[in-house]
Amino acid sequence: MEDRNKKTALGDLILVEPPSHDAAENLAAEEVLAASRTTGNYLMLWTNDPVLVIGKFQNPYEEIPLSACRRAGIPVRRRMSGGGTVYHDRGNLNFTVLTDRGEAFPDYERFLMPVIAMLKGFGVNAEISDTSSMTVGEGKFSGSAQLNVKNRVLHHGTLLFDADLDAVRRLTSEHLASAASAASAASAEQTEERIVSRAVKSRPAPVANLRPLLAEPMGREEFFAAVERAFAPIGRTAFTEEEKTEIRRLAEEKYRSFAWNYGKTPAFSVSRGGITLHAKNGIVVSAEVAAGSSRLAEPDKLKLIGLPLDEEAFDEVSPGLFRALFG
């Protein structure tokens, strides 16, 4: 049984109403919250329609099967904090807390303990692992990241309740495992079939939903309400009209833009099928084609230079080339 009267170590939290189920708007809302609410403690609970969210310093061309995502209509969004790639859908609850920094940064325990305590009340023996994750046994159901905002900290994390775990595995961990296997095989054969990048790499782990682990059956909305009670907000608020305008602007100009989601990718190179491309800011800056390559004719390599690393753009030069390079 959960304790509804307990206080958290996060102070008196005010619950903020999220703008929508659109990842671009919700990520923009986090940015606006951090910029405009310079005092006080805030909690935002939000869900997204299917989306892959990458860390600020990651390479989506390395982390994600982009062609598969495009065919499935699943967008890619880059967040403003570091860390690895995560899959969101309506069965995953995101929690964001904005508060004053403690003596240490990063500081995950005080943000995660309300969830750990709540789950123990529901018969789930969850624990914090690898500093910023929460697990049950070997199954990871939550990952978190933090952002330092002057003397404030924005903490956000995921909670897999009844998410599509097949999509989680197919679009994140299985893709990375397949890429790693291909790179290992190429290394053994002394070929250059690989991506060379200094971007932050995700660390795949077995995942688990919380719903089947609860001692008693519970629906999605009931669980989400329990998470809210676990953080014990003392009141509610909404974004002001001025903040809503800024959220819409950021969502459109930043979080839905190629420049942010792909253009912020650290410089990297990809070598496959006798083709080597070097990219910076999401744009091809040079291309090399090995003699005898069947994928791309030598004269066509010049057409790639200056192109964005985008499947539609590549298909105009050589249909199927983007998928062959990036999966």
C-alpha atoms as a PDB file:
ATOM      1  CA  MET A   1       0.000   0.000   0.000  1.00  0.00           C
ATOM      2  CA  GLU A   2       1.396   3.403  -0.989  1.00  0.00           C
ATOM      3  CA  ASP A   3       1.839   6.187   1.573  1.00  0.00           C
ATOM      4  CA  ARG A   4      -0.007   9.259   0.318  1.00  0.00           C
ATOM      5  CA  ASN A   5       1.207  11.529   3.112  1.00  0.00           C
ATOM      6  CA  LYS A   6       4.960  11.242   2.670  1.00  0.00           C
ATOM      7  CA  LYS A   7       7.132  14.177   1.642  1.00  0.00           C
ATOM      8  CA  THR A   8       9.894  13.912  -0.940  1.00  0.00           C
ATOM      9  CA  ALA A   9      13.383  15.382  -0.841  1.00  0.00           C
ATOM     10  CA  LEU A  10      12.447  17.612  -3.782  1.00  0.00           C
ATOM     11  CA  GLY A  11      10.550  20.275  -1.852  1.00  0.00           C
ATOM     12  CA  ASP A  12       7.019  21.466  -2.575  1.00  0.00           C
ATOM     13  CA  LEU A  13       6.424  20.527  -6.192  1.00  0.00           C
ATOM     14  CA  ILE A  14       3.935  22.226  -8.494  1.00  0.00           C
ATOM     15  CA  LEU A  15       2.505  19.986 -11.214  1.00  0.00           C
ATOM     16  CA  VAL A  16       2.721  21.536 -14.693  1.00  0.00           C
ATOM     17  CA  GLU A  17       0.273  20.551 -17.421  1.00  0.00           C
ATOM     18  CA  PRO A  18       2.170  19.298 -20.503  1.00  0.00           C
ATOM     19  CA  PRO A  19       1.253  20.724 -23.913  1.00  0.00           C
ATOM     20  CA  SER A  20       0.435  17.525 -25.841  1.00  0.00           C
ATOM     21  CA  HIS A  21       1.585  14.025 -26.814  1.00  0.00           C
ATOM     22  CA  ASP A  22       3.940  15.483 -29.438  1.00  0.00           C
ATOM     23  CA  ALA A  23       7.604  14.942 -28.523  1.00  0.00           C
ATOM     24  CA  ALA A  24       8.739  18.182 -30.171  1.00  0.00           C
ATOM     25  CA  GLU A  25       6.279  20.187 -28.082  1.00  0.00           C
ATOM     26  CA  ASN A  26       7.087  18.349 -24.861  1.00  0.00           C
ATOM     27  CA  LEU A  27      10.847  18.751 -25.318  1.00  0.00           C
ATOM     28  CA  ALA A  28      10.272  22.420 -26.089  1.00  0.00           C
ATOM     29  CA  ALA A  29       8.132  22.664 -22.947  1.00  0.00           C
ATOM     30  CA  GLU A  30      11.024  21.367 -20.855  1.00  0.00           C
ATOM     31  CA  GLU A  31      13.313  24.021 -22.330  1.00  0.00           C
ATOM     32  CA  VAL A  32      10.799  26.788 -21.707  1.00  0.00           C
ATOM     33  CA  LEU A  33      10.165  25.537 -18.176  1.00  0.00           C
ATOM     34  CA  ALA A  34      13.890  25.628 -17.388  1.00  0.00           C
ATOM     35  CA  ALA A  35      14.309  29.096 -18.889  1.00  0.00           C
ATOM     36  CA  SER A  36      11.243  30.814 -17.437  1.00  0.00           C
ATOM     37  CA  ARG A  37      10.721  29.206 -14.021  1.00  0.00           C
ATOM     38  CA  THR A  38      13.889  30.337 -12.261  1.00  0.00           C
ATOM     39  CA  THR A  39      12.545  29.731  -8.749  1.00  0.00           C
ATOM     40  CA  GLY A  40      10.305  27.066  -7.255  1.00  0.00           C
ATOM     41  CA  ASN A  41       9.985  23.313  -7.780  1.00  0.00           C
ATOM     42  CA  TYR A  42       8.087  21.876 -10.736  1.00  0.00           C
ATOM     43  CA  LEU A  43       6.956  18.448 -11.912  1.00  0.00           C
ATOM     44  CA  MET A  44       5.734  17.619 -15.416  1.00  0.00           C
ATOM     45  CA  LEU A  45       4.350  14.171 -16.286  1.00  0.00           C
ATOM     46  CA  TRP A  46       3.977  13.540 -19.993  1.00  0.00           C
ATOM     47  CA  THR A  47       3.651  10.872 -22.664  1.00  0.00           C
ATOM     48  CA  ASN A  48       4.546  10.919 -26.334  1.00  0.00           C
ATOM     49  CA  ASP A  49       3.210   9.298 -29.431  1.00  0.00           C
ATOM     50  CA  PRO A  50       5.786   6.844 -30.858  1.00  0.00           C
ATOM     51  CA  VAL A  51       9.142   8.580 -31.212  1.00  0.00           C
ATOM     52  CA  LEU A  52      12.853   7.943 -30.778  1.00  0.00           C
ATOM     53  CA  VAL A  53      14.576  10.506 -28.573  1.00  0.00           C
ATOM     54  CA  ILE A  54      18.352  10.746 -28.788  1.00  0.00           C
ATOM     55  CA  GLY A  55      20.799  12.373 -26.400  1.00  0.00           C
ATOM     56  CA  LYS A  56      22.264  15.781 -27.221  1.00  0.00           C
ATOM     57  CA  PHE A  57      25.679  14.394 -28.177  1.00  0.00           C
ATOM     58  CA  GLN A  58      24.593  11.303 -30.114  1.00  0.00           C
ATOM     59  CA  ASN A  59      24.741  10.241 -33.756  1.00  0.00           C
ATOM     60  CA  PRO A  60      21.283   9.133 -34.998  1.00  0.00           C
ATOM     61  CA  TYR A  61      22.862   7.568 -38.095  1.00  0.00           C
ATOM     62  CA  GLU A  62      24.714   5.208 -35.795  1.00  0.00           C
ATOM     63  CA  GLU A  63      22.049   4.694 -33.134  1.00  0.00           C
ATOM     64  CA  ILE A  64      18.859   4.221 -35.113  1.00  0.00           C
ATOM     65  CA  PRO A  65      17.609   2.249 -38.161  1.00  0.00           C
ATOM     66  CA  LEU A  66      16.498   5.457 -39.853  1.00  0.00           C
ATOM     67  CA  SER A  67      14.947   3.891 -42.954  1.00  0.00           C
ATOM     68  CA  ALA A  68      12.807   1.606 -40.787  1.00  0.00           C
ATOM     69  CA  CYS A  69      11.718   4.575 -38.690  1.00  0.00           C
ATOM     70  CA  ARG A  70      10.775   6.531 -41.773  1.00  0.00           C
ATOM     71  CA  ARG A  71       8.691   3.659 -43.136  1.00  0.00           C
ATOM     72  CA  ALA A  72       6.945   3.307 -39.762  1.00  0.00           C
ATOM     73  CA  GLY A  73       6.334   7.055 -39.489  1.00  0.00           C
ATOM     74  CA  ILE A  74       8.336   7.293 -36.259  1.00  0.00           C
ATOM     75  CA  PRO A  75      10.172  10.631 -35.920  1.00  0.00           C
ATOM     76  CA  VAL A  76      13.559  11.219 -34.342  1.00  0.00           C
ATOM     77  CA  ARG A  77      13.975  14.061 -31.835  1.00  0.00           C
ATOM     78  CA  ARG A  78      17.127  15.267 -30.079  1.00  0.00           C
ATOM     79  CA  ARG A  79      16.764  16.354 -26.451  1.00  0.00           C
ATOM     80  CA  MET A  80      18.845  18.990 -24.672  1.00  0.00           C
ATOM     81  CA  SER A  81      20.421  16.584 -22.154  1.00  0.00           C
ATOM     82  CA  GLY A  82      23.037  13.917 -22.715  1.00  0.00           C
ATOM     83  CA  GLY A  83      22.707  10.159 -22.420  1.00  0.00           C
ATOM     84  CA  GLY A  84      21.437   7.454 -24.739  1.00  0.00           C
ATOM     85  CA  THR A  85      18.596   6.811 -27.163  1.00  0.00           C
ATOM     86  CA  VAL A  86      15.133   5.917 -25.858  1.00  0.00           C
ATOM     87  CA  TYR A  87      11.880   4.858 -27.483  1.00  0.00           C
ATOM     88  CA  HIS A  88       8.679   6.538 -26.259  1.00  0.00           C
ATOM     89  CA  ASP A  89       5.044   5.703 -26.792  1.00  0.00           C
ATOM     90  CA  ARG A  90       1.862   6.225 -24.759  1.00  0.00           C
ATOM     91  CA  GLY A  91       2.795   3.270 -22.536  1.00  0.00           C
ATOM     92  CA  ASN A  92       5.898   5.065 -21.315  1.00  0.00           C
ATOM     93  CA  LEU A  93       5.495   7.847 -18.752  1.00  0.00           C
ATOM     94  CA  ASN A  94       8.096  10.601 -18.719  1.00  0.00           C
ATOM     95  CA  PHE A  95       8.690  12.611 -15.574  1.00  0.00           C
ATOM     96  CA  THR A  96      10.477  15.949 -15.478  1.00  0.00           C
ATOM     97  CA  VAL A  97      11.498  17.724 -12.286  1.00  0.00           C
ATOM     98  CA  LEU A  98      12.934  21.243 -12.175  1.00  0.00           C
ATOM     99  CA  THR A  99      14.351  22.367  -8.843  1.00  0.00           C
ATOM    100  CA  ASP A 100      17.375  23.970  -7.205  1.00  0.00           C
ATOM    101  CA  ARG A 101      20.678  22.167  -7.424  1.00  0.00           C
ATOM    102  CA  GLY A 102      21.889  20.257  -4.422  1.00  0.00           C
ATOM    103  CA  GLU A 103      25.465  20.172  -3.208  1.00  0.00           C
ATOM    104  CA  ALA A 104      26.355  17.587  -5.857  1.00  0.00           C
ATOM    105  CA  PHE A 105      25.686  17.441  -9.595  1.00  0.00           C
ATOM    106  CA  PRO A 106      24.598  15.132 -11.051  1.00  0.00           C
ATOM    107  CA  ASP A 107      22.392  13.926  -8.222  1.00  0.00           C
ATOM    108  CA  TYR A 108      19.997  11.154  -9.231  1.00  0.00           C
ATOM    109  CA  GLU A 109      18.972   9.463  -6.015  1.00  0.00           C
ATOM    110  CA  ARG A 110      16.627  12.141  -4.662  1.00  0.00           C
ATOM    111  CA  PHE A 111      14.731  12.198  -7.979  1.00  0.00           C
ATOM    112  CA  LEU A 112      14.419   8.422  -8.262  1.00  0.00           C
ATOM    113  CA  MET A 113      13.614   7.445  -4.668  1.00  0.00           C
ATOM    114  CA  PRO A 114       9.957   8.569  -4.832  1.00  0.00           C
ATOM    115  CA  VAL A 115       9.426   6.063  -7.666  1.00  0.00           C
ATOM    116  CA  ILE A 116      11.380   3.315  -5.904  1.00  0.00           C
ATOM    117  CA  ALA A 117       9.313   3.808  -2.730  1.00  0.00           C
ATOM    118  CA  MET A 118       6.034   3.818  -4.664  1.00  0.00           C
ATOM    119  CA  LEU A 119       6.901   0.593  -6.469  1.00  0.00           C
ATOM    120  CA  LYS A 120       7.858  -1.185  -3.251  1.00  0.00           C
ATOM    121  CA  GLY A 121       4.362  -0.341  -2.034  1.00  0.00           C
ATOM    122  CA  PHE A 122       3.031  -2.169  -5.094  1.00  0.00           C
ATOM    123  CA  GLY A 123       5.166  -5.248  -4.456  1.00  0.00           C
ATOM    124  CA  VAL A 124       7.880  -4.413  -6.979  1.00  0.00           C
ATOM    125  CA  ASN A 125      11.432  -4.739  -5.688  1.00  0.00           C
ATOM    126  CA  ALA A 126      12.965  -2.010  -7.856  1.00  0.00           C
ATOM    127  CA  GLU A 127      16.404  -0.533  -7.364  1.00  0.00           C
ATOM    128  CA  ILE A 128      18.693   2.156  -8.739  1.00  0.00           C
ATOM    129  CA  SER A 129      21.430   0.799 -10.996  1.00  0.00           C
ATOM    130  CA  ASP A 130      24.269   2.396 -12.975  1.00  0.00           C
ATOM    131  CA  THR A 131      23.620   5.669 -11.127  1.00  0.00           C
ATOM    132  CA  SER A 132      20.732   6.886 -13.291  1.00  0.00           C
ATOM    133  CA  SER A 133      18.665   3.804 -14.191  1.00  0.00           C
ATOM    134  CA  MET A 134      15.996   1.824 -12.364  1.00  0.00           C
ATOM    135  CA  THR A 135      15.698  -1.931 -12.736  1.00  0.00           C
ATOM    136  CA  VAL A 136      13.826  -4.969 -11.508  1.00  0.00           C
ATOM    137  CA  GLY A 137      16.179  -7.928 -11.634  1.00  0.00           C
ATOM    138  CA  GLU A 138      17.945  -7.620 -14.977  1.00  0.00           C
ATOM    139  CA  GLY A 139      15.105  -5.676 -16.594  1.00  0.00           C
ATOM    140  CA  LYS A 140      15.557  -1.937 -17.009  1.00  0.00           C
ATOM    141  CA  PHE A 141      12.326   0.057 -16.880  1.00  0.00           C
ATOM    142  CA  SER A 142      13.720   3.568 -16.465  1.00  0.00           C
ATOM    143  CA  GLY A 143      16.600   5.723 -17.607  1.00  0.00           C
ATOM    144  CA  SER A 144      17.297   9.306 -16.572  1.00  0.00           C
ATOM    145  CA  ALA A 145      19.415  12.287 -17.526  1.00  0.00           C
ATOM    146  CA  GLN A 146      20.035  15.671 -15.943  1.00  0.00           C
ATOM    147  CA  LEU A 147      20.749  19.154 -17.217  1.00  0.00           C
ATOM    148  CA  ASN A 148      22.505  21.871 -15.268  1.00  0.00           C
ATOM    149  CA  VAL A 149      20.641  25.166 -15.688  1.00  0.00           C
ATOM    150  CA  LYS A 150      22.669  27.816 -13.823  1.00  0.00           C
ATOM    151  CA  ASN A 151      21.933  26.997 -10.157  1.00  0.00           C
ATOM    152  CA  ARG A 152      19.029  24.733 -11.114  1.00  0.00           C
ATOM    153  CA  VAL A 153      18.770  21.144 -12.245  1.00  0.00           C
ATOM    154  CA  LEU A 154      16.326  19.680 -14.743  1.00  0.00           C
ATOM    155  CA  HIS A 155      15.937  15.948 -14.252  1.00  0.00           C
ATOM    156  CA  HIS A 156      13.952  13.829 -16.685  1.00  0.00           C
ATOM    157  CA  GLY A 157      13.366  10.109 -16.828  1.00  0.00           C
ATOM    158  CA  THR A 158      11.281   7.379 -18.411  1.00  0.00           C
ATOM    159  CA  LEU A 159       8.993   4.768 -16.851  1.00  0.00           C
ATOM    160  CA  LEU A 160       8.090   1.790 -19.026  1.00  0.00           C
ATOM    161  CA  PHE A 161       4.637   0.707 -17.891  1.00  0.00           C
ATOM    162  CA  ASP A 162       3.086  -1.076 -20.874  1.00  0.00           C
ATOM    163  CA  ALA A 163       5.179   0.217 -23.765  1.00  0.00           C
ATOM    164  CA  ASP A 164       5.703  -1.700 -27.017  1.00  0.00           C
ATOM    165  CA  LEU A 165       8.842  -3.595 -26.012  1.00  0.00           C
ATOM    166  CA  ASP A 166       9.153  -5.155 -29.451  1.00  0.00           C
ATOM    167  CA  ALA A 167       9.546  -1.631 -30.866  1.00  0.00           C
ATOM    168  CA  VAL A 168      12.001  -0.740 -28.096  1.00  0.00           C
ATOM    169  CA  ARG A 169      14.191  -3.703 -28.979  1.00  0.00           C
ATOM    170  CA  ARG A 170      13.792  -3.477 -32.751  1.00  0.00           C
ATOM    171  CA  LEU A 171      14.557   0.233 -32.980  1.00  0.00           C
ATOM    172  CA  THR A 172      17.254   0.497 -30.318  1.00  0.00           C
ATOM    173  CA  SER A 173      19.039  -2.480 -28.747  1.00  0.00           C
ATOM    174  CA  GLU A 174      18.648  -5.006 -31.596  1.00  0.00           C
ATOM    175  CA  HIS A 175      19.760  -2.429 -34.156  1.00  0.00           C
ATOM    176  CA  LEU A 176      22.841  -1.600 -32.101  1.00  0.00           C
ATOM    177  CA  ALA A 177      23.630  -5.275 -31.558  1.00  0.00           C
ATOM    178  CA  SER A 178      23.346  -5.902 -35.300  1.00  0.00           C
ATOM    179  CA  ALA A 179      25.592  -2.922 -36.071  1.00  0.00           C
ATOM    180  CA  ALA A 180      28.152  -4.065 -33.504  1.00  0.00           C
ATOM    181  CA  SER A 181      28.135  -7.586 -34.953  1.00  0.00           C
ATOM    182  CA  ALA A 182      28.675  -6.240 -38.469  1.00  0.00           C
ATOM    183  CA  ALA A 183      31.523  -4.017 -37.276  1.00  0.00           C
ATOM    184  CA  SER A 184      33.151  -6.957 -35.485  1.00  0.00           C
ATOM    185  CA  ALA A 185      32.882  -9.146 -38.574  1.00  0.00           C
ATOM    186  CA  ALA A 186      34.329  -6.395 -40.732  1.00  0.00           C
ATOM    187  CA  SER A 187      37.219  -5.971 -38.321  1.00  0.00           C
ATOM    188  CA  ALA A 188      37.916  -9.700 -38.391  1.00  0.00           C
ATOM    189  CA  GLU A 189      37.944  -9.604 -42.182  1.00  0.00           C
ATOM    190  CA  GLN A 190      40.050  -6.421 -42.147  1.00  0.00           C
ATOM    191  CA  THR A 191      37.491  -4.494 -44.176  1.00  0.00           C
ATOM    192  CA  GLU A 192      36.313  -0.940 -43.621  1.00  0.00           C
ATOM    193  CA  GLU A 193      32.597  -1.627 -43.076  1.00  0.00           C
ATOM    194  CA  ARG A 194      31.972   0.738 -40.203  1.00  0.00           C
ATOM    195  CA  ILE A 195      30.954   4.124 -38.825  1.00  0.00           C
ATOM    196  CA  VAL A 196      33.701   6.142 -37.185  1.00  0.00           C
ATOM    197  CA  SER A 197      32.269   8.642 -34.733  1.00  0.00           C
ATOM    198  CA  ARG A 198      33.130  10.270 -31.422  1.00  0.00           C
ATOM    199  CA  ALA A 199      29.466  10.674 -30.534  1.00  0.00           C
ATOM    200  CA  VAL A 200      28.105   9.337 -27.242  1.00  0.00           C
ATOM    201  CA  LYS A 201      27.072   5.695 -27.604  1.00  0.00           C
ATOM    202  CA  SER A 202      23.980   4.150 -26.064  1.00  0.00           C
ATOM    203  CA  ARG A 203      24.425   1.217 -23.701  1.00  0.00           C
ATOM    204  CA  PRO A 204      21.756  -1.372 -24.583  1.00  0.00           C
ATOM    205  CA  ALA A 205      20.215  -3.291 -21.701  1.00  0.00           C
ATOM    206  CA  PRO A 206      17.375  -5.807 -21.288  1.00  0.00           C
ATOM    207  CA  VAL A 207      14.118  -3.909 -20.803  1.00  0.00           C
ATOM    208  CA  ALA A 208      10.958  -4.629 -18.837  1.00  0.00           C
ATOM    209  CA  ASN A 209       7.490  -3.177 -18.437  1.00  0.00           C
ATOM    210  CA  LEU A 210       6.219  -2.542 -14.935  1.00  0.00           C
ATOM    211  CA  ARG A 211       2.599  -3.523 -15.534  1.00  0.00           C
ATOM    212  CA  PRO A 212       3.054  -7.326 -15.349  1.00  0.00           C
ATOM    213  CA  LEU A 213       5.271  -6.960 -12.268  1.00  0.00           C
ATOM    214  CA  LEU A 214       2.690  -5.242 -10.051  1.00  0.00           C
ATOM    215  CA  ALA A 215       1.224  -7.284  -7.208  1.00  0.00           C
ATOM    216  CA  GLU A 216      -2.286  -6.262  -8.240  1.00  0.00           C
ATOM    217  CA  PRO A 217      -3.658  -5.409 -11.704  1.00  0.00           C
ATOM    218  CA  MET A 218      -3.497  -1.728 -12.558  1.00  0.00           C
ATOM    219  CA  GLY A 219      -4.401   0.246 -15.678  1.00  0.00           C
ATOM    220  CA  ARG A 220      -2.266   2.877 -17.331  1.00  0.00           C
ATOM    221  CA  GLU A 221      -4.130   5.912 -16.031  1.00  0.00           C
ATOM    222  CA  GLU A 222      -4.234   4.479 -12.512  1.00  0.00           C
ATOM    223  CA  PHE A 223      -0.468   3.941 -12.576  1.00  0.00           C
ATOM    224  CA  PHE A 224       0.208   7.421 -13.921  1.00  0.00           C
ATOM    225  CA  ALA A 225      -1.918   8.858 -11.101  1.00  0.00           C
ATOM    226  CA  ALA A 226       0.095   6.831  -8.580  1.00  0.00           C
ATOM    227  CA  VAL A 227       3.334   8.301  -9.922  1.00  0.00           C
ATOM    228  CA  GLU A 228       1.884  11.770  -9.478  1.00  0.00           C
ATOM    229  CA  ARG A 229       1.007  10.984  -5.860  1.00  0.00           C
ATOM    230  CA  ALA A 230       4.501   9.585  -5.290  1.00  0.00           C
ATOM    231  CA  PHE A 231       5.992  13.006  -6.051  1.00  0.00           C
ATOM    232  CA  ALA A 232       3.351  14.630  -3.805  1.00  0.00           C
ATOM    233  CA  PRO A 233       2.731  17.906  -5.678  1.00  0.00           C
ATOM    234  CA  ILE A 234       1.064  20.582  -3.566  1.00  0.00           C
ATOM    235  CA  GLY A 235      -0.622  22.346  -6.474  1.00  0.00           C
ATOM    236  CA  ARG A 236      -1.084  22.624 -10.214  1.00  0.00           C
ATOM    237  CA  THR A 237      -0.263  25.200 -12.849  1.00  0.00           C
ATOM    238  CA  ALA A 238      -0.281  25.660 -16.612  1.00  0.00           C
ATOM    239  CA  PHE A 239       2.072  27.361 -18.989  1.00  0.00           C
ATOM    240  CA  THR A 240       1.265  31.027 -19.580  1.00  0.00           C
ATOM    241  CA  GLU A 241       0.136  32.161 -23.021  1.00  0.00           C
ATOM    242  CA  GLU A 242       3.566  33.690 -23.575  1.00  0.00           C
ATOM    243  CA  GLU A 243       5.225  30.390 -22.626  1.00  0.00           C
ATOM    244  CA  LYS A 244       2.866  28.454 -24.914  1.00  0.00           C
ATOM    245  CA  THR A 245       3.812  30.705 -27.822  1.00  0.00           C
ATOM    246  CA  GLU A 246       7.497  30.073 -27.140  1.00  0.00           C
ATOM    247  CA  ILE A 247       6.879  26.304 -26.868  1.00  0.00           C
ATOM    248  CA  ARG A 248       5.197  26.272 -30.281  1.00  0.00           C
ATOM    249  CA  ARG A 249       8.032  28.316 -31.788  1.00  0.00           C
ATOM    250  CA  LEU A 250      10.761  26.071 -30.360  1.00  0.00           C
ATOM    251  CA  ALA A 251       8.897  22.924 -31.348  1.00  0.00           C
ATOM    252  CA  GLU A 252       8.692  24.058 -34.968  1.00  0.00           C
ATOM    253  CA  GLU A 253      12.006  25.864 -35.398  1.00  0.00           C
ATOM    254  CA  LYS A 254      14.189  23.578 -33.281  1.00  0.00           C
ATOM    255  CA  TYR A 255      12.776  20.228 -32.229  1.00  0.00           C
ATOM    256  CA  ARG A 256      11.227  19.388 -35.620  1.00  0.00           C
ATOM    257  CA  SER A 257      14.175  20.743 -37.601  1.00  0.00           C
ATOM    258  CA  PHE A 258      16.848  18.836 -39.495  1.00  0.00           C
ATOM    259  CA  ALA A 259      19.408  21.328 -38.177  1.00  0.00           C
ATOM    260  CA  TRP A 260      18.829  20.280 -34.549  1.00  0.00           C
ATOM    261  CA  ASN A 261      17.876  16.617 -34.823  1.00  0.00           C
ATOM    262  CA  TYR A 262      20.509  15.667 -37.398  1.00  0.00           C
ATOM    263  CA  GLY A 263      22.705  18.710 -37.971  1.00  0.00           C
ATOM    264  CA  LYS A 264      23.973  18.629 -34.382  1.00  0.00           C
ATOM    265  CA  THR A 265      25.506  15.212 -35.001  1.00  0.00           C
ATOM    266  CA  PRO A 266      29.261  15.260 -34.321  1.00  0.00           C
ATOM    267  CA  ALA A 267      31.404  14.883 -37.461  1.00  0.00           C
ATOM    268  CA  PHE A 268      31.744  11.240 -38.533  1.00  0.00           C
ATOM    269  CA  SER A 269      32.507   8.953 -41.451  1.00  0.00           C
ATOM    270  CA  VAL A 270      30.760   5.866 -42.778  1.00  0.00           C
ATOM    271  CA  SER A 271      32.343   3.180 -44.964  1.00  0.00           C
ATOM    272  CA  ARG A 272      30.253   0.446 -46.575  1.00  0.00           C
ATOM    273  CA  GLY A 273      30.178  -1.327 -49.923  1.00  0.00           C
ATOM    274  CA  GLY A 274      33.250   0.471 -51.198  1.00  0.00           C
ATOM    275  CA  ILE A 275      31.810   3.894 -50.434  1.00  0.00           C
ATOM    276  CA  THR A 276      33.189   6.222 -47.777  1.00  0.00           C
ATOM    277  CA  LEU A 277      31.398   9.418 -46.798  1.00  0.00           C
ATOM    278  CA  HIS A 278      32.555  12.094 -44.398  1.00  0.00           C
ATOM    279  CA  ALA A 279      29.843  14.221 -42.822  1.00  0.00           C
ATOM    280  CA  LYS A 280      29.738  17.343 -40.680  1.00  0.00           C
ATOM    281  CA  ASN A 281      26.620  19.050 -39.321  1.00  0.00           C
ATOM    282  CA  GLY A 282      24.527  16.408 -41.074  1.00  0.00           C
ATOM    283  CA  ILE A 283      25.950  17.346 -44.494  1.00  0.00           C
ATOM    284  CA  VAL A 284      28.204  15.265 -46.763  1.00  0.00           C
ATOM    285  CA  VAL A 285      31.555  17.072 -47.041  1.00  0.00           C
ATOM    286  CA  SER A 286      33.493  14.461 -49.018  1.00  0.00           C
ATOM    287  CA  ALA A 287      32.917  11.130 -50.734  1.00  0.00           C
ATOM    288  CA  GLU A 288      35.172   8.344 -51.940  1.00  0.00           C
ATOM    289  CA  VAL A 289      34.232   5.407 -54.157  1.00  0.00           C
ATOM    290  CA  ALA A 290      36.474   2.343 -54.393  1.00  0.00           C
ATOM    291  CA  ALA A 291      37.207   0.882 -57.795  1.00  0.00           C
ATOM    292  CA  GLY A 292      34.616  -1.700 -58.739  1.00  0.00           C
ATOM    293  CA  SER A 293      31.917  -0.496 -56.328  1.00  0.00           C
ATOM    294  CA  SER A 294      28.529  -1.586 -57.606  1.00  0.00           C
ATOM    295  CA  ARG A 295      26.542   0.747 -55.374  1.00  0.00           C
ATOM    296  CA  LEU A 296      27.652   4.143 -56.699  1.00  0.00           C
ATOM    297  CA  ALA A 297      29.290   5.216 -59.937  1.00  0.00           C
ATOM    298  CA  GLU A 298      32.402   7.354 -59.582  1.00  0.00           C
ATOM    299  CA  PRO A 299      30.838  10.431 -61.295  1.00  0.00           C
ATOM    300  CA  ASP A 300      27.839  10.312 -58.925  1.00  0.00           C
ATOM    301  CA  LYS A 301      29.941  10.836 -55.808  1.00  0.00           C
ATOM    302  CA  LEU A 302      30.186  14.540 -56.591  1.00  0.00           C
ATOM    303  CA  LYS A 303      26.399  14.749 -56.474  1.00  0.00           C
ATOM    304  CA  LEU A 304      26.479  13.651 -52.827  1.00  0.00           C
ATOM    305  CA  ILE A 305      28.791  16.428 -51.659  1.00  0.00           C
ATOM    306  CA  GLY A 306      26.755  19.145 -49.984  1.00  0.00           C
ATOM    307  CA  LEU A 307      23.677  16.949 -49.624  1.00  0.00           C
ATOM    308  CA  PRO A 308      22.000  16.525 -46.231  1.00  0.00           C
ATOM    309  CA  LEU A 309      22.210  13.007 -44.824  1.00  0.00           C
ATOM    310  CA  ASP A 310      18.596  12.381 -45.691  1.00  0.00           C
ATOM    311  CA  GLU A 311      17.075   9.332 -47.385  1.00  0.00           C
ATOM    312  CA  GLU A 312      14.984  11.272 -49.898  1.00  0.00           C
ATOM    313  CA  ALA A 313      17.981  13.377 -50.938  1.00  0.00           C
ATOM    314  CA  PHE A 314      20.167  10.291 -51.359  1.00  0.00           C
ATOM    315  CA  ASP A 315      17.491   8.422 -53.319  1.00  0.00           C
ATOM    316  CA  GLU A 316      17.602  11.136 -55.995  1.00  0.00           C
ATOM    317  CA  VAL A 317      21.267  10.263 -56.569  1.00  0.00           C
ATOM    318  CA  SER A 318      21.180   6.493 -56.008  1.00  0.00           C
ATOM    319  CA  PRO A 319      17.976   4.763 -54.843  1.00  0.00           C
ATOM    320  CA  GLY A 320      18.623   2.531 -51.845  1.00  0.00           C
ATOM    321  CA  LEU A 321      22.044   4.027 -51.077  1.00  0.00           C
ATOM    322  CA  PHE A 322      20.991   5.617 -47.781  1.00  0.00           C
ATOM    323  CA  ARG A 323      19.468   2.389 -46.527  1.00  0.00           C
ATOM    324  CA  ALA A 324      22.570   0.432 -47.561  1.00  0.00           C
ATOM    325  CA  LEU A 325      24.784   2.843 -45.598  1.00  0.00           C
ATOM    326  CA  PHE A 326      22.684   3.372 -42.494  1.00  0.00           C
ATOM    327  CA  GLY A 327      20.091   0.594 -42.297  1.00  0.00           C
END
